[in-house]
Every structure is written in C-alpha cells, then in structure tokens.
C-alpha cells in the first residue's frame, strides 16, 4: 500500500449530554492495560462501546497536555477504516466539542466526526490541518453514536491517531434541542425509538407562531409530564423525553396548538 501520510492526532472528546446534573468522564488510565499493548477492535468502557475494523492500541506517549494512557488507532485505509463509539443502552447525549492536534502539517487527510441518532446521520463536521491544539466546537445534539473517520480524497495510506478523556452525562427528562423555521404545516411525528428505554425523541412542527402544549398521559388520561407549554414561532422542533422515573407501559403524547390537536402512542419497555 502506498504511504501517503502519517499523521498523529491527539483527540480529547467531550460527550456531554443534555442532562443538567453531574458529568462522567471516561479515561483510559485505569483499564489495567500495559505499555504499547495491542487491544481488540471491540471494547466496552463505562456506558459506551468502542468498535472498529482495525485493532486499538495503548499509547503512553503523545500525551502533550493529557496525563496517563491514550487510546491509539492506525487508519490503514483512511477511506474504509473508522472508529464507532456507541452508547450501550441507547441513551441520547450531546457531543459538545473535540480537542485535536495534528502532528503532520503536510497531511492531506481530513478528520471527519459524525453524530448519529440510531440509523440517522444528524451531523457531519470535517477538520483539516489542525497544526496546534484546538478545541473544535461541535454541539451535536441528541445522538447515541459517534463515527470518527478520515477523508483522504481517495489517496489511501496510513494515518495514526491518539484520543482520550470522553466526558458525558445522561439525558434530562425533557430538553428541546432543534428548531427549523417555516414548515408551513402542523404535524406530530411518531416518537423514535419506539418502544424505548428510557429516552425517546418526539418531533413536531407548527405552521405559525402561537401557544404550544405537548404533554404525556397514561392510558387512564392522567397527565404524566408537560414537555412544552409556551409560545413558539413557526418551525420544526425536537424534544427528548426521559422516562426513567415512570413504570413500563403504553403512554399517549398530545400536541395542542392554534386549534391543531394530534395524539400518538408510545411504548416504554424497561
């Protein structure tokens, strides 16, 4: 295989969800690994799984401003190889930023970070020539999978990376995460995923500005949660509902705005 570029990037990924409580940090310092140890291509650390089509390695060097062990990965084919980080229980999170350093200033490879919600690709950001430590702002809302890959425009070759320190927190009971203006219609979509445990996303749109109320009811008609109760401009919206404090069962969610009423069922399986 033709060698085009060997680059070394130290990646510090901060996965911070929409939770308002304390954060957790995954480090690679206390995993019982040895210096320069070959690791499998599938790892589980904390609430996240790491997988790739090539092996991971430990690396005690290139730790610039991070102490301890970093996880090391060599992209042997930048157009095929990738690292996938997935929440084990489907919890939704928010990837806020990624601090990176590209050692080789002449590399033609772009660092690509993708944010996924299930099978839906929600975000893609590319970065090139990160010649000094930078904190790359991402703000990927409402995702449960991250894919890190390279885009070398078909050049192939090897590229090596280090990454460390993943910071995340659980999803909050309800947080509105997106808005897109002027949908010109009213709609209430089926929640996703469904069935779910414990978090799910509800998408809706409103055709013009007005009072918006989105509530959750049990099958007896008892109100369980009020997710939205405020005036909003026209647009498309997405709300995260976390049901960790209520029992399994079938629930009804209802949207009311400007004479428009729509209901749908959701299934919580714990």
C-alpha atoms as a PDB file:
ATOM      1  CA  UNK A   1       0.000   0.000   0.000  1.00  0.00           C
ATOM      2  CA  UNK A   2       1.364   3.363  -0.966  1.00  0.00           C
ATOM      3  CA  UNK A   3       2.252   5.510   2.021  1.00  0.00           C
ATOM      4  CA  UNK A   4       0.853   8.999   1.566  1.00  0.00           C
ATOM      5  CA  UNK A   5       0.785  10.498   5.030  1.00  0.00           C
ATOM      6  CA  UNK A   6       1.470   9.528   8.585  1.00  0.00           C
ATOM      7  CA  UNK A   7      -0.222  11.863  10.962  1.00  0.00           C
ATOM      8  CA  UNK A   8      -0.695  11.757  14.670  1.00  0.00           C
ATOM      9  CA  UNK A   9      -3.617  13.476  16.310  1.00  0.00           C
ATOM     10  CA  UNK A  10      -4.444  13.523  19.963  1.00  0.00           C
ATOM     11  CA  UNK A  11      -8.184  13.609  20.355  1.00  0.00           C
ATOM     12  CA  UNK A  12      -9.965  14.563  23.525  1.00  0.00           C
ATOM     13  CA  UNK A  13     -13.670  14.040  23.042  1.00  0.00           C
ATOM     14  CA  UNK A  14     -16.176  15.609  25.345  1.00  0.00           C
ATOM     15  CA  UNK A  15     -19.537  13.874  25.218  1.00  0.00           C
ATOM     16  CA  UNK A  16     -21.854  15.992  27.290  1.00  0.00           C
ATOM     17  CA  UNK A  17     -25.479  15.132  27.148  1.00  0.00           C
ATOM     18  CA  UNK A  18     -28.430  17.334  27.785  1.00  0.00           C
ATOM     19  CA  UNK A  19     -28.535  16.365  31.468  1.00  0.00           C
ATOM     20  CA  UNK A  20     -28.342  19.227  33.948  1.00  0.00           C
ATOM     21  CA  UNK A  21     -26.771  17.059  36.642  1.00  0.00           C
ATOM     22  CA  UNK A  22     -23.185  15.820  37.109  1.00  0.00           C
ATOM     23  CA  UNK A  23     -20.946  14.690  34.293  1.00  0.00           C
ATOM     24  CA  UNK A  24     -18.932  11.500  33.944  1.00  0.00           C
ATOM     25  CA  UNK A  25     -15.529  11.165  32.325  1.00  0.00           C
ATOM     26  CA  UNK A  26     -14.091   8.079  30.644  1.00  0.00           C
ATOM     27  CA  UNK A  27     -10.319   7.956  30.782  1.00  0.00           C
ATOM     28  CA  UNK A  28      -8.049   5.135  29.672  1.00  0.00           C
ATOM     29  CA  UNK A  29      -5.695   5.381  32.646  1.00  0.00           C
ATOM     30  CA  UNK A  30      -7.163   2.690  34.889  1.00  0.00           C
ATOM     31  CA  UNK A  31      -8.144  -0.067  32.466  1.00  0.00           C
ATOM     32  CA  UNK A  32      -5.387  -2.468  33.528  1.00  0.00           C
ATOM     33  CA  UNK A  33      -3.559  -2.038  30.240  1.00  0.00           C
ATOM     34  CA  UNK A  34       0.198  -2.257  29.719  1.00  0.00           C
ATOM     35  CA  UNK A  35       2.554  -0.043  27.764  1.00  0.00           C
ATOM     36  CA  UNK A  36       2.087  -0.370  23.999  1.00  0.00           C
ATOM     37  CA  UNK A  37      -0.454  -3.157  24.384  1.00  0.00           C
ATOM     38  CA  UNK A  38      -2.454  -4.470  21.439  1.00  0.00           C
ATOM     39  CA  UNK A  39      -6.167  -4.273  22.204  1.00  0.00           C
ATOM     40  CA  UNK A  40      -9.136  -5.895  20.479  1.00  0.00           C
ATOM     41  CA  UNK A  41     -11.199  -3.999  17.940  1.00  0.00           C
ATOM     42  CA  UNK A  42     -14.190  -4.012  20.306  1.00  0.00           C
ATOM     43  CA  UNK A  43     -14.053  -2.501  23.797  1.00  0.00           C
ATOM     44  CA  UNK A  44     -16.629  -1.586  26.422  1.00  0.00           C
ATOM     45  CA  UNK A  45     -15.716   1.231  28.807  1.00  0.00           C
ATOM     46  CA  UNK A  46     -18.313   2.660  31.146  1.00  0.00           C
ATOM     47  CA  UNK A  47     -21.582   3.197  29.305  1.00  0.00           C
ATOM     48  CA  UNK A  48     -20.016   3.206  25.836  1.00  0.00           C
ATOM     49  CA  UNK A  49     -18.681   0.641  23.373  1.00  0.00           C
ATOM     50  CA  UNK A  50     -15.744   1.281  21.048  1.00  0.00           C
ATOM     51  CA  UNK A  51     -15.538  -0.673  17.818  1.00  0.00           C
ATOM     52  CA  UNK A  52     -13.503  -0.565  14.634  1.00  0.00           C
ATOM     53  CA  UNK A  53     -12.366  -2.775  11.781  1.00  0.00           C
ATOM     54  CA  UNK A  54      -8.746  -2.498  12.960  1.00  0.00           C
ATOM     55  CA  UNK A  55      -7.202  -3.141  16.373  1.00  0.00           C
ATOM     56  CA  UNK A  56      -6.784  -0.461  19.014  1.00  0.00           C
ATOM     57  CA  UNK A  57      -3.515   0.048  20.891  1.00  0.00           C
ATOM     58  CA  UNK A  58      -2.442   1.729  24.086  1.00  0.00           C
ATOM     59  CA  UNK A  59      -0.056   4.642  23.854  1.00  0.00           C
ATOM     60  CA  UNK A  60       1.776   6.269  26.742  1.00  0.00           C
ATOM     61  CA  UNK A  61       3.347   8.903  24.522  1.00  0.00           C
ATOM     62  CA  UNK A  62       1.964  11.915  22.678  1.00  0.00           C
ATOM     63  CA  UNK A  63       0.174  12.960  25.829  1.00  0.00           C
ATOM     64  CA  UNK A  64       1.032  16.650  25.457  1.00  0.00           C
ATOM     65  CA  UNK A  65      -1.477  18.174  27.865  1.00  0.00           C
ATOM     66  CA  UNK A  66      -3.160  14.932  28.982  1.00  0.00           C
ATOM     67  CA  UNK A  67      -1.619  12.698  31.628  1.00  0.00           C
ATOM     68  CA  UNK A  68      -1.772   8.907  31.502  1.00  0.00           C
ATOM     69  CA  UNK A  69      -2.722   6.474  28.771  1.00  0.00           C
ATOM     70  CA  UNK A  70      -4.336   7.343  25.482  1.00  0.00           C
ATOM     71  CA  UNK A  71      -6.067   5.009  23.057  1.00  0.00           C
ATOM     72  CA  UNK A  72      -4.126   4.682  19.823  1.00  0.00           C
ATOM     73  CA  UNK A  73      -5.509   3.766  16.413  1.00  0.00           C
ATOM     74  CA  UNK A  74      -3.935   3.418  12.971  1.00  0.00           C
ATOM     75  CA  UNK A  75      -6.111   4.042   9.942  1.00  0.00           C
ATOM     76  CA  UNK A  76      -4.540   1.670   7.411  1.00  0.00           C
ATOM     77  CA  UNK A  77      -7.060   2.685   4.777  1.00  0.00           C
ATOM     78  CA  UNK A  78      -8.454   6.145   5.578  1.00  0.00           C
ATOM     79  CA  UNK A  79     -11.381   5.651   3.201  1.00  0.00           C
ATOM     80  CA  UNK A  80     -12.583   2.457   4.893  1.00  0.00           C
ATOM     81  CA  UNK A  81     -11.353   2.349   8.492  1.00  0.00           C
ATOM     82  CA  UNK A  82     -13.398   4.092  11.166  1.00  0.00           C
ATOM     83  CA  UNK A  83     -13.977   4.229  14.922  1.00  0.00           C
ATOM     84  CA  UNK A  84     -17.528   3.917  16.191  1.00  0.00           C
ATOM     85  CA  UNK A  85     -18.475   4.930  19.736  1.00  0.00           C
ATOM     86  CA  UNK A  86     -21.970   3.862  20.782  1.00  0.00           C
ATOM     87  CA  UNK A  87     -23.945   4.198  23.998  1.00  0.00           C
ATOM     88  CA  UNK A  88     -24.633   0.668  25.274  1.00  0.00           C
ATOM     89  CA  UNK A  89     -28.210   1.353  26.358  1.00  0.00           C
ATOM     90  CA  UNK A  90     -29.247   3.759  23.616  1.00  0.00           C
ATOM     91  CA  UNK A  91     -29.022   6.836  25.844  1.00  0.00           C
ATOM     92  CA  UNK A  92     -29.081  10.099  23.921  1.00  0.00           C
ATOM     93  CA  UNK A  93     -26.253  12.549  24.517  1.00  0.00           C
ATOM     94  CA  UNK A  94     -24.702  15.761  23.243  1.00  0.00           C
ATOM     95  CA  UNK A  95     -21.194  15.903  21.798  1.00  0.00           C
ATOM     96  CA  UNK A  96     -20.089  19.444  22.582  1.00  0.00           C
ATOM     97  CA  UNK A  97     -16.523  19.706  21.324  1.00  0.00           C
ATOM     98  CA  UNK A  98     -13.422  17.829  20.369  1.00  0.00           C
ATOM     99  CA  UNK A  99      -9.887  18.976  21.105  1.00  0.00           C
ATOM    100  CA  UNK A 100      -7.456  17.777  18.456  1.00  0.00           C
ATOM    101  CA  UNK A 101      -3.853  18.137  17.387  1.00  0.00           C
ATOM    102  CA  UNK A 102      -2.487  17.096  14.004  1.00  0.00           C
ATOM    103  CA  UNK A 103       1.238  16.444  14.174  1.00  0.00           C
ATOM    104  CA  UNK A 104       1.881  16.236  10.441  1.00  0.00           C
ATOM    105  CA  UNK A 105       1.320  19.680   8.970  1.00  0.00           C
ATOM    106  CA  UNK A 106       1.539  18.343   5.410  1.00  0.00           C
ATOM    107  CA  UNK A 107      -1.167  15.681   5.717  1.00  0.00           C
ATOM    108  CA  UNK A 108      -3.959  15.765   3.159  1.00  0.00           C
ATOM    109  CA  UNK A 109      -6.343  13.766   5.356  1.00  0.00           C
ATOM    110  CA  UNK A 110      -9.379  15.476   6.857  1.00  0.00           C
ATOM    111  CA  UNK A 111     -10.648  14.434  10.258  1.00  0.00           C
ATOM    112  CA  UNK A 112     -14.384  13.719   9.975  1.00  0.00           C
ATOM    113  CA  UNK A 113     -16.664  13.460  13.014  1.00  0.00           C
ATOM    114  CA  UNK A 114     -20.240  12.244  12.558  1.00  0.00           C
ATOM    115  CA  UNK A 115     -23.118  12.300  15.037  1.00  0.00           C
ATOM    116  CA  UNK A 116     -25.834   9.648  14.651  1.00  0.00           C
ATOM    117  CA  UNK A 117     -29.246   9.070  16.212  1.00  0.00           C
ATOM    118  CA  UNK A 118     -29.896   5.388  15.587  1.00  0.00           C
ATOM    119  CA  UNK A 119     -29.629   4.885  11.827  1.00  0.00           C
ATOM    120  CA  UNK A 120     -29.978   8.592  11.069  1.00  0.00           C
ATOM    121  CA  UNK A 121     -26.884  10.681  10.335  1.00  0.00           C
ATOM    122  CA  UNK A 122     -27.625  14.005  12.029  1.00  0.00           C
ATOM    123  CA  UNK A 123     -24.289  15.851  11.881  1.00  0.00           C
ATOM    124  CA  UNK A 124     -21.016  15.818   9.940  1.00  0.00           C
ATOM    125  CA  UNK A 125     -18.009  18.067  10.530  1.00  0.00           C
ATOM    126  CA  UNK A 126     -14.624  17.943   8.794  1.00  0.00           C
ATOM    127  CA  UNK A 127     -11.348  19.441  10.008  1.00  0.00           C
ATOM    128  CA  UNK A 128      -8.025  19.816   8.199  1.00  0.00           C
ATOM    129  CA  UNK A 129      -4.514  20.935   9.185  1.00  0.00           C
ATOM    130  CA  UNK A 130      -5.013  21.218  12.925  1.00  0.00           C
ATOM    131  CA  UNK A 131      -1.405  22.269  13.481  1.00  0.00           C
ATOM    132  CA  UNK A 132      -1.737  23.127  17.168  1.00  0.00           C
ATOM    133  CA  UNK A 133      -4.087  22.126  19.956  1.00  0.00           C
ATOM    134  CA  UNK A 134      -7.576  23.371  19.136  1.00  0.00           C
ATOM    135  CA  UNK A 135     -10.941  22.827  20.749  1.00  0.00           C
ATOM    136  CA  UNK A 136     -13.260  22.062  17.853  1.00  0.00           C
ATOM    137  CA  UNK A 137     -16.807  23.136  18.631  1.00  0.00           C
ATOM    138  CA  UNK A 138     -19.360  20.520  17.503  1.00  0.00           C
ATOM    139  CA  UNK A 139     -22.570  20.775  19.579  1.00  0.00           C
ATOM    140  CA  UNK A 140     -24.055  17.539  18.224  1.00  0.00           C
ATOM    141  CA  UNK A 141     -27.419  17.287  19.990  1.00  0.00           C
ATOM    142  CA  UNK A 142     -29.500  14.195  20.581  1.00  0.00           C
ATOM    143  CA  UNK A 143     -27.118  11.469  19.382  1.00  0.00           C
ATOM    144  CA  UNK A 144     -26.217   7.983  20.614  1.00  0.00           C
ATOM    145  CA  UNK A 145     -23.435   7.110  18.183  1.00  0.00           C
ATOM    146  CA  UNK A 146     -20.267   8.858  17.013  1.00  0.00           C
ATOM    147  CA  UNK A 147     -18.233   7.842  13.979  1.00  0.00           C
ATOM    148  CA  UNK A 148     -14.663   9.104  13.575  1.00  0.00           C
ATOM    149  CA  UNK A 149     -13.082   8.584  10.178  1.00  0.00           C
ATOM    150  CA  UNK A 150     -10.740  10.175   7.658  1.00  0.00           C
ATOM    151  CA  UNK A 151     -11.423  11.659   4.272  1.00  0.00           C
ATOM    152  CA  UNK A 152      -8.275  11.472   2.191  1.00  0.00           C
ATOM    153  CA  UNK A 153      -9.922  12.079  -1.187  1.00  0.00           C
ATOM    154  CA  UNK A 154      -9.040   8.568  -2.316  1.00  0.00           C
ATOM    155  CA  UNK A 155      -5.322   8.836  -1.593  1.00  0.00           C
ATOM    156  CA  UNK A 156      -5.127   5.887   0.800  1.00  0.00           C
ATOM    157  CA  UNK A 157      -2.130   5.295   3.063  1.00  0.00           C
ATOM    158  CA  UNK A 158      -1.631   5.186   6.820  1.00  0.00           C
ATOM    159  CA  UNK A 159      -2.694   7.679   9.457  1.00  0.00           C
ATOM    160  CA  UNK A 160      -2.307   7.309  13.233  1.00  0.00           C
ATOM    161  CA  UNK A 161      -4.335   8.950  15.983  1.00  0.00           C
ATOM    162  CA  UNK A 162      -4.490   9.107  19.764  1.00  0.00           C
ATOM    163  CA  UNK A 163      -7.600  10.002  21.760  1.00  0.00           C
ATOM    164  CA  UNK A 164      -8.532  10.261  25.414  1.00  0.00           C
ATOM    165  CA  UNK A 165     -10.973  11.629  28.018  1.00  0.00           C
ATOM    166  CA  UNK A 166     -14.608  11.273  26.977  1.00  0.00           C
ATOM    167  CA  UNK A 167     -16.936  13.471  29.041  1.00  0.00           C
ATOM    168  CA  UNK A 168     -20.670  12.793  29.004  1.00  0.00           C
ATOM    169  CA  UNK A 169     -23.831  12.845  31.095  1.00  0.00           C
ATOM    170  CA  UNK A 170     -27.268  11.252  30.914  1.00  0.00           C
ATOM    171  CA  UNK A 171     -30.188  12.802  29.065  1.00  0.00           C
ATOM    172  CA  UNK A 172     -32.500  15.062  31.004  1.00  0.00           C
ATOM    173  CA  UNK A 173     -36.205  14.375  31.434  1.00  0.00           C
ATOM    174  CA  UNK A 174     -37.075  16.747  28.572  1.00  0.00           C
ATOM    175  CA  UNK A 175     -34.999  19.212  26.542  1.00  0.00           C
ATOM    176  CA  UNK A 176     -35.991  20.882  23.290  1.00  0.00           C
ATOM    177  CA  UNK A 177     -32.988  20.579  21.010  1.00  0.00           C
ATOM    178  CA  UNK A 178     -33.690  21.808  17.485  1.00  0.00           C
ATOM    179  CA  UNK A 179     -35.713  24.316  15.528  1.00  0.00           C
ATOM    180  CA  UNK A 180     -36.108  24.905  11.812  1.00  0.00           C
ATOM    181  CA  UNK A 181     -38.249  27.835  10.712  1.00  0.00           C
ATOM    182  CA  UNK A 182     -41.290  27.902   8.398  1.00  0.00           C
ATOM    183  CA  UNK A 183     -42.507  24.315   7.989  1.00  0.00           C
ATOM    184  CA  UNK A 184     -45.862  25.645   6.661  1.00  0.00           C
ATOM    185  CA  UNK A 185     -47.756  22.788   8.288  1.00  0.00           C
ATOM    186  CA  UNK A 186     -48.712  21.203  11.586  1.00  0.00           C
ATOM    187  CA  UNK A 187     -47.562  17.701  12.386  1.00  0.00           C
ATOM    188  CA  UNK A 188     -46.713  15.342  15.233  1.00  0.00           C
ATOM    189  CA  UNK A 189     -44.345  12.505  14.334  1.00  0.00           C
ATOM    190  CA  UNK A 190     -44.077   9.062  15.874  1.00  0.00           C
ATOM    191  CA  UNK A 191     -41.519   9.060  18.654  1.00  0.00           C
ATOM    192  CA  UNK A 192     -38.162   7.395  17.961  1.00  0.00           C
ATOM    193  CA  UNK A 193     -37.138   4.897  19.117  1.00  0.00           C
ATOM    194  CA  UNK A 194     -40.385   3.160  19.924  1.00  0.00           C
ATOM    195  CA  UNK A 195     -40.508   1.031  22.043  1.00  0.00           C
ATOM    196  CA  UNK A 196     -37.872   2.835  24.115  1.00  0.00           C
ATOM    197  CA  UNK A 197     -35.941   2.682  27.386  1.00  0.00           C
ATOM    198  CA  UNK A 198     -35.606   5.179  28.892  1.00  0.00           C
ATOM    199  CA  UNK A 199     -35.229   8.033  26.362  1.00  0.00           C
ATOM    200  CA  UNK A 200     -37.083   8.801  23.161  1.00  0.00           C
ATOM    201  CA  UNK A 201     -37.405  11.765  20.806  1.00  0.00           C
ATOM    202  CA  UNK A 202     -40.629  13.471  19.713  1.00  0.00           C
ATOM    203  CA  UNK A 203     -40.575  15.663  16.589  1.00  0.00           C
ATOM    204  CA  UNK A 204     -43.299  18.148  15.725  1.00  0.00           C
ATOM    205  CA  UNK A 205     -43.886  21.190  13.564  1.00  0.00           C
ATOM    206  CA  UNK A 206     -46.169  24.222  13.787  1.00  0.00           C
ATOM    207  CA  UNK A 207     -47.307  26.317  10.846  1.00  0.00           C
ATOM    208  CA  UNK A 208     -47.418  29.681  12.585  1.00  0.00           C
ATOM    209  CA  UNK A 209     -46.463  31.284  15.883  1.00  0.00           C
ATOM    210  CA  UNK A 210     -48.665  30.501  18.854  1.00  0.00           C
ATOM    211  CA  UNK A 211     -49.097  28.698  22.160  1.00  0.00           C
ATOM    212  CA  UNK A 212     -47.708  25.149  22.038  1.00  0.00           C
ATOM    213  CA  UNK A 213     -48.530  22.461  24.600  1.00  0.00           C
ATOM    214  CA  UNK A 214     -47.018  18.978  24.456  1.00  0.00           C
ATOM    215  CA  UNK A 215     -47.982  16.576  27.245  1.00  0.00           C
ATOM    216  CA  UNK A 216     -47.643  12.909  28.169  1.00  0.00           C
ATOM    217  CA  UNK A 217     -50.635  10.952  29.568  1.00  0.00           C
ATOM    218  CA  UNK A 218     -51.127   7.409  30.816  1.00  0.00           C
ATOM    219  CA  UNK A 219     -53.942   5.239  29.424  1.00  0.00           C
ATOM    220  CA  UNK A 220     -56.299   6.443  32.164  1.00  0.00           C
ATOM    221  CA  UNK A 221     -55.883  10.019  30.970  1.00  0.00           C
ATOM    222  CA  UNK A 222     -53.728  11.108  33.901  1.00  0.00           C
ATOM    223  CA  UNK A 223     -51.116  13.707  32.991  1.00  0.00           C
ATOM    224  CA  UNK A 224     -47.581  12.341  33.449  1.00  0.00           C
ATOM    225  CA  UNK A 225     -45.340  15.125  32.089  1.00  0.00           C
ATOM    226  CA  UNK A 226     -45.631  18.507  30.441  1.00  0.00           C
ATOM    227  CA  UNK A 227     -42.809  18.711  27.920  1.00  0.00           C
ATOM    228  CA  UNK A 228     -43.716  22.042  26.295  1.00  0.00           C
ATOM    229  CA  UNK A 229     -46.060  24.838  27.425  1.00  0.00           C
ATOM    230  CA  UNK A 230     -45.059  28.157  25.877  1.00  0.00           C
ATOM    231  CA  UNK A 231     -45.407  30.448  22.886  1.00  0.00           C
ATOM    232  CA  UNK A 232     -43.221  29.484  19.939  1.00  0.00           C
ATOM    233  CA  UNK A 233     -42.519  30.761  16.430  1.00  0.00           C
ATOM    234  CA  UNK A 234     -43.368  28.569  13.459  1.00  0.00           C
ATOM    235  CA  UNK A 235     -40.827  25.824  12.931  1.00  0.00           C
ATOM    236  CA  UNK A 236     -39.846  22.217  13.369  1.00  0.00           C
ATOM    237  CA  UNK A 237     -38.911  21.071  16.855  1.00  0.00           C
ATOM    238  CA  UNK A 238     -37.485  18.033  18.594  1.00  0.00           C
ATOM    239  CA  UNK A 239     -37.961  17.136  22.264  1.00  0.00           C
ATOM    240  CA  UNK A 240     -36.180  14.459  24.294  1.00  0.00           C
ATOM    241  CA  UNK A 241     -38.386  12.610  26.790  1.00  0.00           C
ATOM    242  CA  UNK A 242     -36.656  10.598  29.523  1.00  0.00           C
ATOM    243  CA  UNK A 243     -38.998   8.185  31.289  1.00  0.00           C
ATOM    244  CA  UNK A 244     -36.597   6.663  33.798  1.00  0.00           C
ATOM    245  CA  UNK A 245     -38.824   7.528  36.801  1.00  0.00           C
ATOM    246  CA  UNK A 246     -42.089   6.045  35.463  1.00  0.00           C
ATOM    247  CA  UNK A 247     -43.005   2.365  35.004  1.00  0.00           C
ATOM    248  CA  UNK A 248     -43.202   0.399  31.770  1.00  0.00           C
ATOM    249  CA  UNK A 249     -46.391   0.736  29.803  1.00  0.00           C
ATOM    250  CA  UNK A 250     -48.217   2.454  26.972  1.00  0.00           C
ATOM    251  CA  UNK A 251     -48.438   6.248  27.108  1.00  0.00           C
ATOM    252  CA  UNK A 252     -50.125   8.897  24.990  1.00  0.00           C
ATOM    253  CA  UNK A 253     -48.410  12.102  23.903  1.00  0.00           C
ATOM    254  CA  UNK A 254     -50.549  15.004  22.738  1.00  0.00           C
ATOM    255  CA  UNK A 255     -49.725  18.204  20.840  1.00  0.00           C
ATOM    256  CA  UNK A 256     -52.083  21.197  21.011  1.00  0.00           C
ATOM    257  CA  UNK A 257     -51.522  24.480  19.168  1.00  0.00           C
ATOM    258  CA  UNK A 258     -53.700  27.002  17.299  1.00  0.00           C
ATOM    259  CA  UNK A 259     -56.679  24.653  17.003  1.00  0.00           C
ATOM    260  CA  UNK A 260     -54.480  21.730  15.945  1.00  0.00           C
ATOM    261  CA  UNK A 261     -54.618  18.619  18.162  1.00  0.00           C
ATOM    262  CA  UNK A 262     -52.739  15.393  17.489  1.00  0.00           C
ATOM    263  CA  UNK A 263     -52.052  12.332  19.634  1.00  0.00           C
ATOM    264  CA  UNK A 264     -49.938   9.222  19.321  1.00  0.00           C
ATOM    265  CA  UNK A 265     -48.930   6.207  21.439  1.00  0.00           C
ATOM    266  CA  UNK A 266     -45.512   5.364  22.792  1.00  0.00           C
ATOM    267  CA  UNK A 267     -44.350   2.166  24.471  1.00  0.00           C
ATOM    268  CA  UNK A 268     -41.910   2.178  27.401  1.00  0.00           C
ATOM    269  CA  UNK A 269     -40.204  -1.184  27.984  1.00  0.00           C
ATOM    270  CA  UNK A 270     -37.857  -1.499  30.968  1.00  0.00           C
END
